[in-house]
Structures are given as C-alpha cells and as structure tokens.
Amino acid sequence: MSLVDLTAEVDPADLDTAGPDSSSDASPQRRALAELWRARYGGLEPTAAAAGPGAGPSGGADDPAGAVVRLQLAHRSVRQYLPDDVSDETLATLVAAAQSAATSSNLQLWSVVAVRDPQRRTWLAHLAGDQAHIVQAPLLLVWLVDLARAHAVADRHEAPTAASDYLETTVVGFVDAALAAQNATLAAESLGLGTVYIGALRNDPAAVAEVLGLPDHVFAAFGLVVGHPDPDERATVKPRLAQDAVLHHETYDATRQLDAVSAYEHRIGAYYAAQGLQHSWTQRLLARLAHPRALNGRERLTDALGAAGLGLR
C-alpha cells in the first residue's frame, strides 16, 4: 500500500453519503480512504466489504472526507522504532486523550504507568517473552485496572466496598483501561507516533507488579509501546475479516461465519506472502485454543486477579 495523506483538507463539495470512492474524479482524500478500506479488508472493494447498501464510511461536515476514519483505518502495529524520545508534553497529550475516553459511571477505575527507564523496560520485556521493541522504543505505557484509589476513598470515609468483591467491578476496570488506551493510541498515531500492544505482561502478573511497585487492588492489564516508527520497517495495514463475519443485523447470524473465514484465509495469506512469511490464520487460531500451555502463564489469570485483591464473585 502506498503512503497516503491522512490529514489533508478537502472541499465540502467533495463529500457525499456513499461509500469510499476510488474513481478518478474523486477527491484525493476519498481515494485515500478507499485505498485504506481495501487494505484493511485485503483487497475487497468498499461497497463489497459491508453487508447492505451504502457500505463504507463517509465524511461529515465537521470531519472532511473522514480524516479521523482514515487515521483509524491506517492503524498498524509498529515493532521497530527509532531511538528518539517521546516528550513529556506528548505524554501529557496522550494521557489527556486517554482520560477523554468513556468510563463506566465516571468511576475511572484505571491508571497508567509510564516506563522510560531502560533497565525497567528490559525487565518487563523479559517478563513479556523478550519482545525487543519494548526495549527499543523509548516509552512503555502499562495500563492498570486500578481499584486502589477507590478503596482509599472508601477508607477515608469509612465506607463499605462489598461490590468490589464481584467480577463485574473488575470487568469495568478492564474495559475502562482498554477504552483509555485505545484513545491514547489514536492520539499517538495522529502525532506521527507508532504503537503496539503488549498482552504478554499478563504472563507473570506478580512479577510485573513487583517491577512496577503495584499495591493491592491494582492489576497490570496490558502494555502499550510508544515511539517513533523506523521508516525501514516493512509492516503495512493488516487485513481483517470481512464485515460479513462480524456485523450482525438485529440478531446474531452464524450462517456466513465459515465462508467469511475461508475467504479471509486467502486474503491474509496473500498479505503474509507479501511480507515474505507463510502463516495460516486458521492454524494460528486453532493452536491458540488447543491447549492451556499456549497461554504462556495466562491460564492462571483467575488466581492472579484474586492475589491482586480484585473481585471474582
């Protein structure tokens, strides 16, 4: 996929309510959107990727030609970074974006640890399967399910916290952290930075908690590497399942699932081949589900959550 301008302005007259338009008379921004759409769906044309008429995103008056949508569709994981630092001002912007995400009942049951120290990042990289990009990039954000703050408030007011013993409260913390992190990711990409999520921090939660000095009622949900992408990295937008597989209208429809997966296997196979790789999405899925050992320690997540003082009832 060629590079596209994600931020260019467009005349409102170019906007319409149809899907992304790749025709020669379309604006450069709409052609860029159509190109990203095809990349995200492995070559499917915009009107074929979704079920139903008018498929595909369109821009609005306050978002010319879908600049935000173009940025979202251009997302890719970055695993090679330049050594350039991420400034304190940029970090503050990312956290502001994170705190602007939705949060259940405004409870804000999350926190984030910004890890810059090379030695600490090396320790965390080792705990996460020795992923080199954790060490290479200048910043690792560790997103936390954080009920410690709520417990501290309750203690100050000598108030009960019985509801925190229940799984629902723990799930709220995970959802809050995920929404916040994705907002930060989009903000980082809008500033020209790259990111990649690190779920492997859950391989050994107790060790991660020790490295980060986490108190009771706090759990490291995942990490997010942030840095300046190495322009020599070959990775591009990775195709996803067609919308037929994930979009259901009114009620769940399982009839198209396997056909969509079969078609996707061909598209993702072509993507991997272009990267010089031979991978099967289906085989990867089956290997991940076949045995608990594929979880690399995360099969003990329930025990780890309980040990951290999070509710599971």
C-alpha atoms as a PDB file:
ATOM      1  CA  MET A   1       0.000   0.000   0.000  1.00  0.00           C
ATOM      2  CA  SER A   2       1.320   3.427  -0.870  1.00  0.00           C
ATOM      3  CA  LEU A   3       1.628   6.195   1.673  1.00  0.00           C
ATOM      4  CA  VAL A   4      -1.451   8.408   1.941  1.00  0.00           C
ATOM      5  CA  ASP A   5      -2.120  11.840   3.424  1.00  0.00           C
ATOM      6  CA  LEU A   6      -4.279  11.269   6.492  1.00  0.00           C
ATOM      7  CA  THR A   7      -4.736  14.937   7.391  1.00  0.00           C
ATOM      8  CA  ALA A   8      -5.216  16.778   4.117  1.00  0.00           C
ATOM      9  CA  GLU A   9      -8.167  19.139   3.910  1.00  0.00           C
ATOM     10  CA  VAL A  10     -10.976  18.711   1.409  1.00  0.00           C
ATOM     11  CA  ASP A  11     -13.663  20.937  -0.046  1.00  0.00           C
ATOM     12  CA  PRO A  12     -17.080  20.050   1.470  1.00  0.00           C
ATOM     13  CA  ALA A  13     -18.443  19.782  -2.061  1.00  0.00           C
ATOM     14  CA  ASP A  14     -16.439  16.589  -2.414  1.00  0.00           C
ATOM     15  CA  LEU A  15     -18.441  14.906   0.346  1.00  0.00           C
ATOM     16  CA  ASP A  16     -21.335  12.543  -0.201  1.00  0.00           C
ATOM     17  CA  THR A  17     -23.061   9.730   1.670  1.00  0.00           C
ATOM     18  CA  ALA A  18     -21.871   6.857  -0.492  1.00  0.00           C
ATOM     19  CA  GLY A  19     -19.005   4.546   0.357  1.00  0.00           C
ATOM     20  CA  PRO A  20     -15.372   5.471  -0.243  1.00  0.00           C
ATOM     21  CA  ASP A  21     -14.903   6.373  -3.872  1.00  0.00           C
ATOM     22  CA  SER A  22     -11.760   5.315  -5.732  1.00  0.00           C
ATOM     23  CA  SER A  23     -12.819   6.715  -9.111  1.00  0.00           C
ATOM     24  CA  SER A  24     -10.525   9.098 -10.936  1.00  0.00           C
ATOM     25  CA  ASP A  25     -12.838  12.088 -10.345  1.00  0.00           C
ATOM     26  CA  ALA A  26     -12.963  11.560  -6.569  1.00  0.00           C
ATOM     27  CA  SER A  27     -11.007  13.842  -4.254  1.00  0.00           C
ATOM     28  CA  PRO A  28      -7.522  12.693  -3.171  1.00  0.00           C
ATOM     29  CA  GLN A  29      -8.859  12.266   0.347  1.00  0.00           C
ATOM     30  CA  ARG A  30     -11.692   9.971  -0.732  1.00  0.00           C
ATOM     31  CA  ARG A  31      -9.335   7.968  -2.922  1.00  0.00           C
ATOM     32  CA  ALA A  32      -7.028   7.620   0.092  1.00  0.00           C
ATOM     33  CA  LEU A  33      -9.958   6.411   2.186  1.00  0.00           C
ATOM     34  CA  ALA A  34     -10.905   3.856  -0.469  1.00  0.00           C
ATOM     35  CA  GLU A  35      -7.304   2.646  -0.649  1.00  0.00           C
ATOM     36  CA  LEU A  36      -7.163   2.195   3.118  1.00  0.00           C
ATOM     37  CA  TRP A  37     -10.521   0.388   3.042  1.00  0.00           C
ATOM     38  CA  ARG A  38      -9.183  -2.095   0.504  1.00  0.00           C
ATOM     39  CA  ALA A  39      -6.013  -2.579   2.558  1.00  0.00           C
ATOM     40  CA  ARG A  40      -7.996  -3.220   5.737  1.00  0.00           C
ATOM     41  CA  TYR A  41     -10.191  -5.799   4.008  1.00  0.00           C
ATOM     42  CA  GLY A  42      -7.494  -7.441   1.925  1.00  0.00           C
ATOM     43  CA  GLY A  43      -8.498  -6.106  -1.466  1.00  0.00           C
ATOM     44  CA  LEU A  44     -12.277  -6.079  -1.054  1.00  0.00           C
ATOM     45  CA  GLU A  45     -13.832  -3.061  -2.712  1.00  0.00           C
ATOM     46  CA  PRO A  46     -15.529  -0.606  -0.346  1.00  0.00           C
ATOM     47  CA  THR A  47     -19.053  -1.463  -1.431  1.00  0.00           C
ATOM     48  CA  ALA A  48     -18.379  -5.212  -1.106  1.00  0.00           C
ATOM     49  CA  ALA A  49     -16.856  -5.232   2.364  1.00  0.00           C
ATOM     50  CA  ALA A  50     -20.063  -4.465   4.248  1.00  0.00           C
ATOM     51  CA  ALA A  51     -23.478  -6.079   4.107  1.00  0.00           C
ATOM     52  CA  GLY A  52     -26.171  -3.765   2.856  1.00  0.00           C
ATOM     53  CA  PRO A  53     -26.469  -0.650   0.690  1.00  0.00           C
ATOM     54  CA  GLY A  54     -24.320   2.412   1.138  1.00  0.00           C
ATOM     55  CA  ALA A  55     -21.435   0.393   2.522  1.00  0.00           C
ATOM     56  CA  GLY A  56     -18.335   2.146   3.723  1.00  0.00           C
ATOM     57  CA  PRO A  57     -17.597   5.240   5.801  1.00  0.00           C
ATOM     58  CA  SER A  58     -18.217   8.765   4.629  1.00  0.00           C
ATOM     59  CA  GLY A  59     -17.042  12.103   5.922  1.00  0.00           C
ATOM     60  CA  GLY A  60     -19.162  14.704   7.684  1.00  0.00           C
ATOM     61  CA  ALA A  61     -19.132  18.474   7.592  1.00  0.00           C
ATOM     62  CA  ASP A  62     -17.012  18.668  10.716  1.00  0.00           C
ATOM     63  CA  ASP A  63     -14.712  15.828   9.601  1.00  0.00           C
ATOM     64  CA  PRO A  64     -13.844  16.470   5.942  1.00  0.00           C
ATOM     65  CA  ALA A  65     -13.657  13.223   3.990  1.00  0.00           C
ATOM     66  CA  GLY A  66     -13.332  11.248   7.213  1.00  0.00           C
ATOM     67  CA  ALA A  67      -9.859  12.325   8.366  1.00  0.00           C
ATOM     68  CA  VAL A  68     -10.347  10.507  11.673  1.00  0.00           C
ATOM     69  CA  VAL A  69     -11.664   7.422   9.878  1.00  0.00           C
ATOM     70  CA  ARG A  70      -8.658   7.440   7.554  1.00  0.00           C
ATOM     71  CA  LEU A  71      -6.383   7.541  10.596  1.00  0.00           C
ATOM     72  CA  GLN A  72      -8.242   4.622  12.184  1.00  0.00           C
ATOM     73  CA  LEU A  73      -8.163   2.522   9.027  1.00  0.00           C
ATOM     74  CA  ALA A  74      -4.429   3.169   8.666  1.00  0.00           C
ATOM     75  CA  HIS A  75      -3.641   1.667  12.081  1.00  0.00           C
ATOM     76  CA  ARG A  76      -0.886  -0.922  12.202  1.00  0.00           C
ATOM     77  CA  SER A  77       1.273  -2.364  14.948  1.00  0.00           C
ATOM     78  CA  VAL A  78       4.830  -0.999  14.923  1.00  0.00           C
ATOM     79  CA  ARG A  79       7.643  -3.234  16.153  1.00  0.00           C
ATOM     80  CA  GLN A  80      10.722  -1.306  15.008  1.00  0.00           C
ATOM     81  CA  TYR A  81      11.494   2.120  16.445  1.00  0.00           C
ATOM     82  CA  LEU A  82      13.956   4.961  16.222  1.00  0.00           C
ATOM     83  CA  PRO A  83      15.716   5.957  19.475  1.00  0.00           C
ATOM     84  CA  ASP A  84      14.139   9.447  19.527  1.00  0.00           C
ATOM     85  CA  ASP A  85      12.452  10.293  22.819  1.00  0.00           C
ATOM     86  CA  VAL A  86       8.744  10.913  23.383  1.00  0.00           C
ATOM     87  CA  SER A  87       8.485  14.279  25.130  1.00  0.00           C
ATOM     88  CA  ASP A  88       6.712  14.967  28.404  1.00  0.00           C
ATOM     89  CA  GLU A  89       4.339  17.257  26.515  1.00  0.00           C
ATOM     90  CA  THR A  90       3.425  14.444  24.145  1.00  0.00           C
ATOM     91  CA  LEU A  91       2.916  12.045  27.046  1.00  0.00           C
ATOM     92  CA  ALA A  92       0.589  14.553  28.706  1.00  0.00           C
ATOM     93  CA  THR A  93      -1.384  14.811  25.453  1.00  0.00           C
ATOM     94  CA  LEU A  94      -1.739  11.024  25.242  1.00  0.00           C
ATOM     95  CA  VAL A  95      -2.969  10.830  28.835  1.00  0.00           C
ATOM     96  CA  ALA A  96      -5.438  13.675  28.205  1.00  0.00           C
ATOM     97  CA  ALA A  97      -6.799  11.731  25.230  1.00  0.00           C
ATOM     98  CA  ALA A  98      -6.985   8.591  27.378  1.00  0.00           C
ATOM     99  CA  GLN A  99      -8.894  10.421  30.097  1.00  0.00           C
ATOM    100  CA  SER A 100     -11.327  11.702  27.479  1.00  0.00           C
ATOM    101  CA  ALA A 101     -12.498   8.154  26.742  1.00  0.00           C
ATOM    102  CA  ALA A 102     -15.765   6.838  28.102  1.00  0.00           C
ATOM    103  CA  THR A 103     -15.619   5.427  31.629  1.00  0.00           C
ATOM    104  CA  SER A 104     -18.377   3.452  33.344  1.00  0.00           C
ATOM    105  CA  SER A 105     -20.332   5.716  35.729  1.00  0.00           C
ATOM    106  CA  ASN A 106     -17.315   8.069  35.704  1.00  0.00           C
ATOM    107  CA  LEU A 107     -15.643   5.733  38.215  1.00  0.00           C
ATOM    108  CA  GLN A 108     -12.343   5.937  36.297  1.00  0.00           C
ATOM    109  CA  LEU A 109     -11.109   2.564  37.569  1.00  0.00           C
ATOM    110  CA  TRP A 110      -7.819   2.685  35.688  1.00  0.00           C
ATOM    111  CA  SER A 111      -4.347   4.193  35.857  1.00  0.00           C
ATOM    112  CA  VAL A 112      -1.250   4.036  33.673  1.00  0.00           C
ATOM    113  CA  VAL A 113       2.447   3.746  34.488  1.00  0.00           C
ATOM    114  CA  ALA A 114       4.821   5.465  32.050  1.00  0.00           C
ATOM    115  CA  VAL A 115       8.048   3.444  31.952  1.00  0.00           C
ATOM    116  CA  ARG A 116      11.053   5.180  30.404  1.00  0.00           C
ATOM    117  CA  ASP A 117      13.919   3.682  32.416  1.00  0.00           C
ATOM    118  CA  PRO A 118      15.833   1.306  30.084  1.00  0.00           C
ATOM    119  CA  GLN A 119      16.565  -1.224  32.827  1.00  0.00           C
ATOM    120  CA  ARG A 120      12.942  -1.394  33.929  1.00  0.00           C
ATOM    121  CA  ARG A 121      11.804  -1.798  30.329  1.00  0.00           C
ATOM    122  CA  THR A 122      14.360  -4.584  29.917  1.00  0.00           C
ATOM    123  CA  TRP A 123      12.940  -6.395  32.941  1.00  0.00           C
ATOM    124  CA  LEU A 124       9.401  -6.018  31.635  1.00  0.00           C
ATOM    125  CA  ALA A 125      10.450  -7.130  28.148  1.00  0.00           C
ATOM    126  CA  HIS A 126      11.902 -10.310  29.637  1.00  0.00           C
ATOM    127  CA  LEU A 127       8.654 -10.991  31.510  1.00  0.00           C
ATOM    128  CA  ALA A 128       6.741 -10.464  28.255  1.00  0.00           C
ATOM    129  CA  GLY A 129       8.663 -13.017  26.213  1.00  0.00           C
ATOM    130  CA  ASP A 130      11.727 -10.898  25.392  1.00  0.00           C
ATOM    131  CA  GLN A 131       9.941  -8.671  22.887  1.00  0.00           C
ATOM    132  CA  ALA A 132      12.721  -6.435  21.572  1.00  0.00           C
ATOM    133  CA  HIS A 133      10.513  -3.449  20.740  1.00  0.00           C
ATOM    134  CA  ILE A 134       9.772  -2.935  24.449  1.00  0.00           C
ATOM    135  CA  VAL A 135      13.465  -2.163  24.926  1.00  0.00           C
ATOM    136  CA  GLN A 136      13.965  -0.407  21.602  1.00  0.00           C
ATOM    137  CA  ALA A 137      11.164   2.150  21.929  1.00  0.00           C
ATOM    138  CA  PRO A 138      11.621   4.986  24.438  1.00  0.00           C
ATOM    139  CA  LEU A 139       8.277   4.627  26.217  1.00  0.00           C
ATOM    140  CA  LEU A 140       6.167   1.786  27.569  1.00  0.00           C
ATOM    141  CA  LEU A 141       2.741   2.600  28.972  1.00  0.00           C
ATOM    142  CA  VAL A 142       1.406  -0.064  31.332  1.00  0.00           C
ATOM    143  CA  TRP A 143      -2.360   0.205  31.669  1.00  0.00           C
ATOM    144  CA  LEU A 144      -3.763  -0.790  35.030  1.00  0.00           C
ATOM    145  CA  VAL A 145      -7.066  -1.944  36.443  1.00  0.00           C
ATOM    146  CA  ASP A 146      -6.983   0.332  39.488  1.00  0.00           C
ATOM    147  CA  LEU A 147      -9.366  -0.122  42.396  1.00  0.00           C
ATOM    148  CA  ALA A 148      -6.768   1.034  44.942  1.00  0.00           C
ATOM    149  CA  ARG A 149      -7.824   4.654  44.505  1.00  0.00           C
ATOM    150  CA  ALA A 150     -11.479   3.770  45.086  1.00  0.00           C
ATOM    151  CA  HIS A 151     -10.565   1.725  48.167  1.00  0.00           C
ATOM    152  CA  ALA A 152      -8.526   4.637  49.524  1.00  0.00           C
ATOM    153  CA  VAL A 153     -11.522   6.955  49.120  1.00  0.00           C
ATOM    154  CA  ALA A 154     -13.747   4.401  50.848  1.00  0.00           C
ATOM    155  CA  ASP A 155     -11.264   4.024  53.704  1.00  0.00           C
ATOM    156  CA  ARG A 156     -11.163   7.789  54.204  1.00  0.00           C
ATOM    157  CA  HIS A 157     -14.938   7.828  54.526  1.00  0.00           C
ATOM    158  CA  GLU A 158     -15.088   4.541  56.473  1.00  0.00           C
ATOM    159  CA  ALA A 159     -17.421   3.224  53.769  1.00  0.00           C
ATOM    160  CA  PRO A 160     -18.019  -0.404  52.704  1.00  0.00           C
ATOM    161  CA  THR A 161     -16.639  -1.769  49.418  1.00  0.00           C
ATOM    162  CA  ALA A 162     -18.566  -5.043  49.160  1.00  0.00           C
ATOM    163  CA  ALA A 163     -19.414  -4.506  45.476  1.00  0.00           C
ATOM    164  CA  SER A 164     -15.710  -4.550  44.617  1.00  0.00           C
ATOM    165  CA  ASP A 165     -15.677  -8.249  45.513  1.00  0.00           C
ATOM    166  CA  TYR A 166     -17.653  -9.009  42.357  1.00  0.00           C
ATOM    167  CA  LEU A 167     -16.350  -9.782  38.883  1.00  0.00           C
ATOM    168  CA  GLU A 168     -18.466  -7.005  37.375  1.00  0.00           C
ATOM    169  CA  THR A 169     -16.361  -4.350  39.088  1.00  0.00           C
ATOM    170  CA  THR A 170     -13.161  -5.996  37.861  1.00  0.00           C
ATOM    171  CA  VAL A 171     -14.521  -6.149  34.303  1.00  0.00           C
ATOM    172  CA  VAL A 172     -15.375  -2.444  34.483  1.00  0.00           C
ATOM    173  CA  GLY A 173     -11.729  -1.733  35.312  1.00  0.00           C
ATOM    174  CA  PHE A 174     -10.512  -3.749  32.312  1.00  0.00           C
ATOM    175  CA  VAL A 175     -12.992  -2.076  29.969  1.00  0.00           C
ATOM    176  CA  ASP A 176     -12.096   1.382  31.266  1.00  0.00           C
ATOM    177  CA  ALA A 177      -8.381   0.699  30.785  1.00  0.00           C
ATOM    178  CA  ALA A 178      -8.905  -0.631  27.249  1.00  0.00           C
ATOM    179  CA  LEU A 179     -11.006   2.352  26.176  1.00  0.00           C
ATOM    180  CA  ALA A 180      -8.463   4.770  27.620  1.00  0.00           C
ATOM    181  CA  ALA A 181      -5.555   3.006  25.921  1.00  0.00           C
ATOM    182  CA  GLN A 182      -7.229   2.994  22.524  1.00  0.00           C
ATOM    183  CA  ASN A 183      -7.887   6.720  22.787  1.00  0.00           C
ATOM    184  CA  ALA A 184      -4.207   7.226  23.601  1.00  0.00           C
ATOM    185  CA  THR A 185      -3.235   5.023  20.659  1.00  0.00           C
ATOM    186  CA  LEU A 186      -5.277   7.066  18.201  1.00  0.00           C
ATOM    187  CA  ALA A 187      -3.818  10.269  19.627  1.00  0.00           C
ATOM    188  CA  ALA A 188      -0.285   8.885  19.303  1.00  0.00           C
ATOM    189  CA  GLU A 189      -0.850   7.919  15.681  1.00  0.00           C
ATOM    190  CA  SER A 190      -2.280  11.370  14.934  1.00  0.00           C
ATOM    191  CA  LEU A 191       1.052  12.789  16.157  1.00  0.00           C
ATOM    192  CA  GLY A 192       3.053  10.511  13.858  1.00  0.00           C
ATOM    193  CA  LEU A 193       3.995   8.001  16.555  1.00  0.00           C
ATOM    194  CA  GLY A 194       3.732   4.225  16.370  1.00  0.00           C
ATOM    195  CA  THR A 195       2.361   1.810  18.948  1.00  0.00           C
ATOM    196  CA  VAL A 196       1.984  -1.879  19.672  1.00  0.00           C
ATOM    197  CA  TYR A 197       0.008  -3.527  22.459  1.00  0.00           C
ATOM    198  CA  ILE A 198       1.713  -5.967  24.843  1.00  0.00           C
ATOM    199  CA  GLY A 199      -0.707  -8.545  26.236  1.00  0.00           C
ATOM    200  CA  ALA A 200       2.178 -10.736  27.386  1.00  0.00           C
ATOM    201  CA  LEU A 201       2.574  -8.614  30.517  1.00  0.00           C
ATOM    202  CA  ARG A 202      -0.136 -10.940  31.857  1.00  0.00           C
ATOM    203  CA  ASN A 203       2.235 -13.918  31.557  1.00  0.00           C
ATOM    204  CA  ASP A 204       3.561 -13.233  35.067  1.00  0.00           C
ATOM    205  CA  PRO A 205       1.376 -10.624  36.782  1.00  0.00           C
ATOM    206  CA  ALA A 206       3.048 -10.965  40.179  1.00  0.00           C
ATOM    207  CA  ALA A 207       6.497 -10.232  38.745  1.00  0.00           C
ATOM    208  CA  VAL A 208       5.173  -7.268  36.759  1.00  0.00           C
ATOM    209  CA  ALA A 209       3.523  -5.933  39.903  1.00  0.00           C
ATOM    210  CA  GLU A 210       6.843  -6.177  41.728  1.00  0.00           C
ATOM    211  CA  VAL A 211       8.739  -4.334  38.979  1.00  0.00           C
ATOM    212  CA  LEU A 212       6.141  -1.547  38.955  1.00  0.00           C
ATOM    213  CA  GLY A 213       5.509  -1.419  42.702  1.00  0.00           C
ATOM    214  CA  LEU A 214       1.792  -2.067  42.322  1.00  0.00           C
ATOM    215  CA  PRO A 215      -0.279  -2.078  45.529  1.00  0.00           C
ATOM    216  CA  ASP A 216      -3.227  -4.339  46.342  1.00  0.00           C
ATOM    217  CA  HIS A 217      -6.324  -3.853  44.184  1.00  0.00           C
ATOM    218  CA  VAL A 218      -4.218  -2.915  41.128  1.00  0.00           C
ATOM    219  CA  PHE A 219      -3.513  -5.204  38.152  1.00  0.00           C
ATOM    220  CA  ALA A 220      -1.435  -4.653  35.001  1.00  0.00           C
ATOM    221  CA  ALA A 221      -3.892  -5.348  32.176  1.00  0.00           C
ATOM    222  CA  PHE A 222      -1.549  -4.810  29.203  1.00  0.00           C
ATOM    223  CA  GLY A 223       1.228  -2.626  27.898  1.00  0.00           C
ATOM    224  CA  LEU A 224       1.461  -0.173  25.029  1.00  0.00           C
ATOM    225  CA  VAL A 225       4.799   0.551  23.378  1.00  0.00           C
ATOM    226  CA  VAL A 226       5.020   4.121  22.045  1.00  0.00           C
ATOM    227  CA  GLY A 227       7.735   5.620  19.878  1.00  0.00           C
ATOM    228  CA  HIS A 228       8.821   6.979  16.515  1.00  0.00           C
ATOM    229  CA  PRO A 229       8.443   4.283  13.821  1.00  0.00           C
ATOM    230  CA  ASP A 230      11.538   3.129  11.975  1.00  0.00           C
ATOM    231  CA  PRO A 231      10.799   4.029   8.329  1.00  0.00           C
ATOM    232  CA  ASP A 232      12.617   0.881   7.200  1.00  0.00           C
ATOM    233  CA  GLU A 233      10.030  -1.420   8.801  1.00  0.00           C
ATOM    234  CA  ARG A 234       8.081  -3.293   6.129  1.00  0.00           C
ATOM    235  CA  ALA A 235       4.810  -3.772   8.003  1.00  0.00           C
ATOM    236  CA  THR A 236       1.647  -2.344   6.444  1.00  0.00           C
ATOM    237  CA  VAL A 237      -2.060  -2.392   7.233  1.00  0.00           C
ATOM    238  CA  LYS A 238      -3.076  -5.952   8.116  1.00  0.00           C
ATOM    239  CA  PRO A 239      -6.331  -7.236   6.598  1.00  0.00           C
ATOM    240  CA  ARG A 240      -9.221  -8.112   8.901  1.00  0.00           C
ATOM    241  CA  LEU A 241     -12.198 -10.409   8.479  1.00  0.00           C
ATOM    242  CA  ALA A 242     -14.847  -9.108   6.113  1.00  0.00           C
ATOM    243  CA  GLN A 243     -17.732  -7.315   7.770  1.00  0.00           C
ATOM    244  CA  ASP A 244     -19.962 -10.284   6.949  1.00  0.00           C
ATOM    245  CA  ALA A 245     -18.158 -12.139   9.738  1.00  0.00           C
ATOM    246  CA  VAL A 246     -18.511  -9.547  12.481  1.00  0.00           C
ATOM    247  CA  LEU A 247     -21.521  -7.362  11.667  1.00  0.00           C
ATOM    248  CA  HIS A 248     -24.912  -8.826  12.625  1.00  0.00           C
ATOM    249  CA  HIS A 249     -28.231  -7.078  11.992  1.00  0.00           C
ATOM    250  CA  GLU A 250     -30.793  -7.249  14.800  1.00  0.00           C
ATOM    251  CA  THR A 251     -29.911 -10.848  15.802  1.00  0.00           C
ATOM    252  CA  TYR A 252     -26.789 -12.989  15.643  1.00  0.00           C
ATOM    253  CA  ASP A 253     -26.344 -14.778  12.304  1.00  0.00           C
ATOM    254  CA  ALA A 254     -23.893 -17.693  12.262  1.00  0.00           C
ATOM    255  CA  THR A 255     -24.667 -18.822   8.709  1.00  0.00           C
ATOM    256  CA  ARG A 256     -21.963 -16.768   6.990  1.00  0.00           C
ATOM    257  CA  GLN A 257     -19.167 -17.233   9.507  1.00  0.00           C
ATOM    258  CA  LEU A 258     -17.218 -20.097   7.944  1.00  0.00           C
ATOM    259  CA  ASP A 259     -17.497 -18.777   4.389  1.00  0.00           C
ATOM    260  CA  ALA A 260     -16.129 -15.444   5.585  1.00  0.00           C
ATOM    261  CA  VAL A 261     -13.263 -17.188   7.366  1.00  0.00           C
ATOM    262  CA  SER A 262     -12.378 -19.225   4.267  1.00  0.00           C
ATOM    263  CA  ALA A 263     -12.275 -16.098   2.129  1.00  0.00           C
ATOM    264  CA  TYR A 264     -10.221 -14.308   4.764  1.00  0.00           C
ATOM    265  CA  GLU A 265      -7.676 -17.110   4.880  1.00  0.00           C
ATOM    266  CA  HIS A 266      -6.835 -16.410   1.237  1.00  0.00           C
ATOM    267  CA  ARG A 267      -6.601 -12.646   1.727  1.00  0.00           C
ATOM    268  CA  ILE A 268      -4.476 -12.782   4.879  1.00  0.00           C
ATOM    269  CA  GLY A 269      -2.302 -15.450   3.245  1.00  0.00           C
ATOM    270  CA  ALA A 270      -1.555 -13.078   0.377  1.00  0.00           C
ATOM    271  CA  TYR A 271      -0.695 -10.354   2.891  1.00  0.00           C
ATOM    272  CA  TYR A 272       1.752 -12.610   4.727  1.00  0.00           C
ATOM    273  CA  ALA A 273       3.285 -13.798   1.460  1.00  0.00           C
ATOM    274  CA  ALA A 274       3.970 -10.181   0.522  1.00  0.00           C
ATOM    275  CA  GLN A 275       5.824  -9.896   3.843  1.00  0.00           C
ATOM    276  CA  GLY A 276       7.893 -12.980   2.984  1.00  0.00           C
ATOM    277  CA  LEU A 277       6.023 -15.079   5.571  1.00  0.00           C
ATOM    278  CA  GLN A 278       3.990 -18.260   5.459  1.00  0.00           C
ATOM    279  CA  HIS A 279       1.267 -18.070   8.114  1.00  0.00           C
ATOM    280  CA  SER A 280      -2.216 -19.526   8.382  1.00  0.00           C
ATOM    281  CA  TRP A 281      -4.721 -17.502  10.390  1.00  0.00           C
ATOM    282  CA  THR A 282      -6.836 -20.608  10.955  1.00  0.00           C
ATOM    283  CA  GLN A 283      -3.916 -22.667  12.215  1.00  0.00           C
ATOM    284  CA  ARG A 284      -2.849 -19.833  14.499  1.00  0.00           C
ATOM    285  CA  LEU A 285      -6.360 -19.641  15.943  1.00  0.00           C
ATOM    286  CA  LEU A 286      -6.543 -23.396  16.478  1.00  0.00           C
ATOM    287  CA  ALA A 287      -3.103 -23.537  18.079  1.00  0.00           C
ATOM    288  CA  ARG A 288      -4.049 -20.760  20.493  1.00  0.00           C
ATOM    289  CA  LEU A 289      -7.217 -22.571  21.574  1.00  0.00           C
ATOM    290  CA  ALA A 290      -5.902 -26.146  21.612  1.00  0.00           C
ATOM    291  CA  HIS A 291      -4.168 -26.263  24.996  1.00  0.00           C
ATOM    292  CA  PRO A 292      -3.736 -24.024  28.049  1.00  0.00           C
ATOM    293  CA  ARG A 293       0.046 -24.028  27.600  1.00  0.00           C
ATOM    294  CA  ALA A 294      -0.458 -21.771  24.566  1.00  0.00           C
ATOM    295  CA  LEU A 295      -1.484 -19.053  27.024  1.00  0.00           C
ATOM    296  CA  ASN A 296       2.072 -18.849  28.416  1.00  0.00           C
ATOM    297  CA  GLY A 297       1.022 -18.450  32.034  1.00  0.00           C
ATOM    298  CA  ARG A 298      -2.167 -16.513  31.399  1.00  0.00           C
ATOM    299  CA  GLU A 299      -4.194 -19.656  32.086  1.00  0.00           C
ATOM    300  CA  ARG A 300      -3.659 -18.737  35.754  1.00  0.00           C
ATOM    301  CA  LEU A 301      -5.272 -15.325  35.328  1.00  0.00           C
ATOM    302  CA  THR A 302      -8.071 -16.017  37.797  1.00  0.00           C
ATOM    303  CA  ASP A 303      -5.554 -16.807  40.529  1.00  0.00           C
ATOM    304  CA  ALA A 304      -3.527 -13.704  39.659  1.00  0.00           C
ATOM    305  CA  LEU A 305      -6.570 -11.440  39.839  1.00  0.00           C
ATOM    306  CA  GLY A 306      -7.535 -12.876  43.194  1.00  0.00           C
ATOM    307  CA  ALA A 307      -3.993 -12.449  44.516  1.00  0.00           C
ATOM    308  CA  ALA A 308      -4.122  -8.791  43.464  1.00  0.00           C
ATOM    309  CA  GLY A 309      -7.271  -8.312  45.520  1.00  0.00           C
ATOM    310  CA  LEU A 310      -9.666  -7.934  42.603  1.00  0.00           C
ATOM    311  CA  GLY A 311     -13.190  -9.308  42.806  1.00  0.00           C
ATOM    312  CA  LEU A 312     -14.169 -12.569  41.111  1.00  0.00           C
ATOM    313  CA  ARG A 313     -17.544 -13.464  42.666  1.00  0.00           C
END
